[in-house]
Amino acid sequence: MSRRKGRRLAVQALYSWDVGNTDPEVLATFPWYDSKSGNGIDGTLDFPRLILQGTLENITEIDDLIRKHLEHWDMDRLARVDLAILRMGTYSLLYQPAIPAQVTIDEAVELAKELSTDEAYRFINGVLDGVRRRVQDREDD
């Protein structure tokens, strides 16, 4: 499975968790995923499962960090899909240092273009860039 497709699955699961209060253990099986359906997603589900489980295990820290970078926005006003993308991106910036930060941000922007409104990608880019700077400052200390 490509990492982009894995990220999309993770975002879908995070969205379902947020809006439907779906059990994370059920979500981690990605029940809507069918590798035989010809949807172009082949291979292991380890990568999206890692993102999903890691994000949920660290949701308080992730949400706090996102909140710090929302300018004049309340987290409750965010579109739930945008929040799912921000959570996935923030998790990756914090806990997947082997993935370059710019790759993480670019992937989140592409997902926003695909899954959200026409303007969402700019917002997501700005928030995640702020998160990236904060994470980088922590590493430099």
Protein backbone atom coordinates (compact mmCIF):
# COMPACT_ATOMS: atom_id res chain seq x y z
CA MET A 1 0.00 0.00 0.00
CA SER A 2 1.30 3.44 -0.76
CA ARG A 3 1.77 5.70 2.20
CA ARG A 4 -0.66 8.24 0.72
CA LYS A 5 -3.38 5.61 0.58
CA GLY A 6 -2.48 4.52 4.10
CA ARG A 7 -2.79 8.09 5.31
CA ARG A 8 -6.18 8.39 3.63
CA LEU A 9 -7.37 5.27 5.47
CA ALA A 10 -6.05 6.64 8.76
CA VAL A 11 -7.86 9.96 8.19
CA GLN A 12 -11.08 8.10 7.40
CA ALA A 13 -10.74 6.11 10.61
CA LEU A 14 -9.96 9.22 12.69
CA TYR A 15 -12.99 10.93 11.20
CA SER A 16 -15.19 7.93 12.05
CA TRP A 17 -13.82 7.87 15.59
CA ASP A 18 -14.56 11.57 16.02
CA VAL A 19 -18.05 11.80 14.53
CA GLY A 20 -19.34 8.32 15.26
CA ASN A 21 -17.59 7.40 18.48
CA THR A 22 -16.65 4.16 16.78
CA ASP A 23 -14.59 1.73 18.83
CA PRO A 24 -10.90 2.19 17.95
CA GLU A 25 -10.37 -1.57 17.90
CA VAL A 26 -13.05 -1.92 15.23
CA LEU A 27 -11.61 1.00 13.28
CA ALA A 28 -8.13 -0.56 13.36
CA THR A 29 -9.50 -3.43 11.25
CA PHE A 30 -10.57 -0.88 8.59
CA PRO A 31 -13.85 -2.76 7.94
CA TRP A 32 -14.68 -0.61 4.90
CA TYR A 33 -11.40 -1.56 3.26
CA ASP A 34 -11.57 -4.33 0.69
CA SER A 35 -8.30 -5.14 -1.02
CA LYS A 36 -10.17 -7.25 -3.59
CA SER A 37 -12.55 -4.48 -4.63
CA GLY A 38 -10.13 -3.04 -7.14
CA ASN A 39 -9.89 0.24 -5.26
CA GLY A 40 -6.15 0.37 -5.90
CA ILE A 41 -5.09 -0.22 -2.31
CA ASP A 42 -2.93 -3.28 -1.94
CA GLY A 43 -0.77 -4.57 0.83
CA THR A 44 -0.56 -4.34 4.56
CA LEU A 45 -2.60 -2.12 6.84
CA ASP A 46 0.27 -1.65 9.29
CA PHE A 47 1.01 1.95 8.31
CA PRO A 48 -2.54 3.34 8.64
CA ARG A 49 -3.03 1.27 11.81
CA LEU A 50 0.13 2.81 13.31
CA ILE A 51 -1.12 6.32 12.55
CA LEU A 52 -4.60 5.61 13.90
CA GLN A 53 -3.48 3.95 17.11
CA GLY A 54 -0.63 6.37 17.72
CA THR A 55 -2.88 9.37 17.19
CA LEU A 56 -5.54 8.07 19.56
CA GLU A 57 -2.97 7.14 22.21
CA ASN A 58 -1.61 10.69 22.10
CA ILE A 59 -4.82 12.57 21.30
CA THR A 60 -4.59 15.00 24.23
CA GLU A 61 -1.08 16.16 23.31
CA ILE A 62 -1.96 16.29 19.61
CA ASP A 63 -5.14 18.31 20.16
CA ASP A 64 -3.34 20.70 22.53
CA LEU A 65 -0.66 21.32 19.94
CA ILE A 66 -3.24 21.90 17.19
CA ARG A 67 -5.18 24.29 19.45
CA LYS A 68 -2.02 26.38 19.98
CA HIS A 69 -1.78 26.95 16.22
CA LEU A 70 -5.38 27.82 15.46
CA GLU A 71 -5.47 31.56 14.96
CA HIS A 72 -8.86 32.99 15.82
CA TRP A 73 -10.48 29.56 15.54
CA ASP A 74 -12.09 27.32 18.07
CA MET A 75 -11.39 23.64 17.58
CA ASP A 76 -15.10 22.86 17.84
CA ARG A 77 -15.73 24.97 14.73
CA LEU A 78 -13.35 23.01 12.52
CA ALA A 79 -14.76 20.72 9.87
CA ARG A 80 -14.34 17.21 11.25
CA VAL A 81 -12.47 16.03 8.15
CA ASP A 82 -10.02 18.93 8.53
CA LEU A 83 -9.50 18.00 12.17
CA ALA A 84 -8.83 14.38 11.20
CA ILE A 85 -6.22 15.53 8.67
CA LEU A 86 -4.62 17.86 11.22
CA ARG A 87 -4.50 15.08 13.81
CA MET A 88 -2.88 12.68 11.35
CA GLY A 89 -0.33 15.30 10.30
CA THR A 90 0.46 16.36 13.85
CA TYR A 91 0.95 12.76 14.94
CA SER A 92 3.37 12.22 12.09
CA LEU A 93 5.32 15.41 12.83
CA LEU A 94 5.64 14.44 16.49
CA TYR A 95 6.20 10.70 16.32
CA GLN A 96 7.49 9.83 12.86
CA PRO A 97 10.76 11.76 12.62
CA ALA A 98 12.06 9.49 9.85
CA ILE A 99 9.44 11.01 7.55
CA PRO A 100 10.55 14.49 6.48
CA ALA A 101 8.24 17.18 7.87
CA GLN A 102 7.66 18.65 4.42
CA VAL A 103 6.49 15.27 3.13
CA THR A 104 4.01 15.01 6.01
CA ILE A 105 2.68 18.51 5.36
CA ASP A 106 2.49 17.98 1.59
CA GLU A 107 0.57 14.73 2.07
CA ALA A 108 -1.88 16.43 4.46
CA VAL A 109 -2.39 19.25 1.96
CA GLU A 110 -3.11 16.75 -0.82
CA LEU A 111 -5.60 14.92 1.39
CA ALA A 112 -7.31 18.23 2.17
CA LYS A 113 -7.57 19.00 -1.54
CA GLU A 114 -9.11 15.57 -2.09
CA LEU A 115 -11.39 15.28 0.94
CA SER A 116 -12.28 18.81 2.06
CA THR A 117 -13.30 22.22 0.77
CA ASP A 118 -11.42 24.28 -1.80
CA GLU A 119 -9.79 26.51 0.82
CA ALA A 120 -9.07 23.92 3.53
CA TYR A 121 -5.65 22.97 2.20
CA ARG A 122 -4.26 26.47 2.88
CA PHE A 123 -5.53 26.39 6.44
CA ILE A 124 -4.13 22.89 7.05
CA ASN A 125 -0.79 23.90 5.54
CA GLY A 126 -0.55 26.90 7.87
CA VAL A 127 -1.48 25.02 11.03
CA LEU A 128 0.85 22.10 10.31
CA ASP A 129 3.70 24.45 9.44
CA GLY A 130 3.27 26.06 12.87
CA VAL A 131 3.28 22.60 14.47
CA ARG A 132 6.42 21.73 12.48
CA ARG A 133 8.21 24.83 13.78
CA ARG A 134 7.20 24.04 17.36
CA VAL A 135 8.41 20.43 17.05
CA GLN A 136 11.65 21.61 15.44
CA ASP A 137 12.20 24.13 18.26
CA ARG A 138 11.77 21.34 20.81
CA GLU A 139 14.38 19.23 19.03
CA ASP A 140 16.82 22.16 18.92
CA ASP A 141 16.59 22.68 22.70
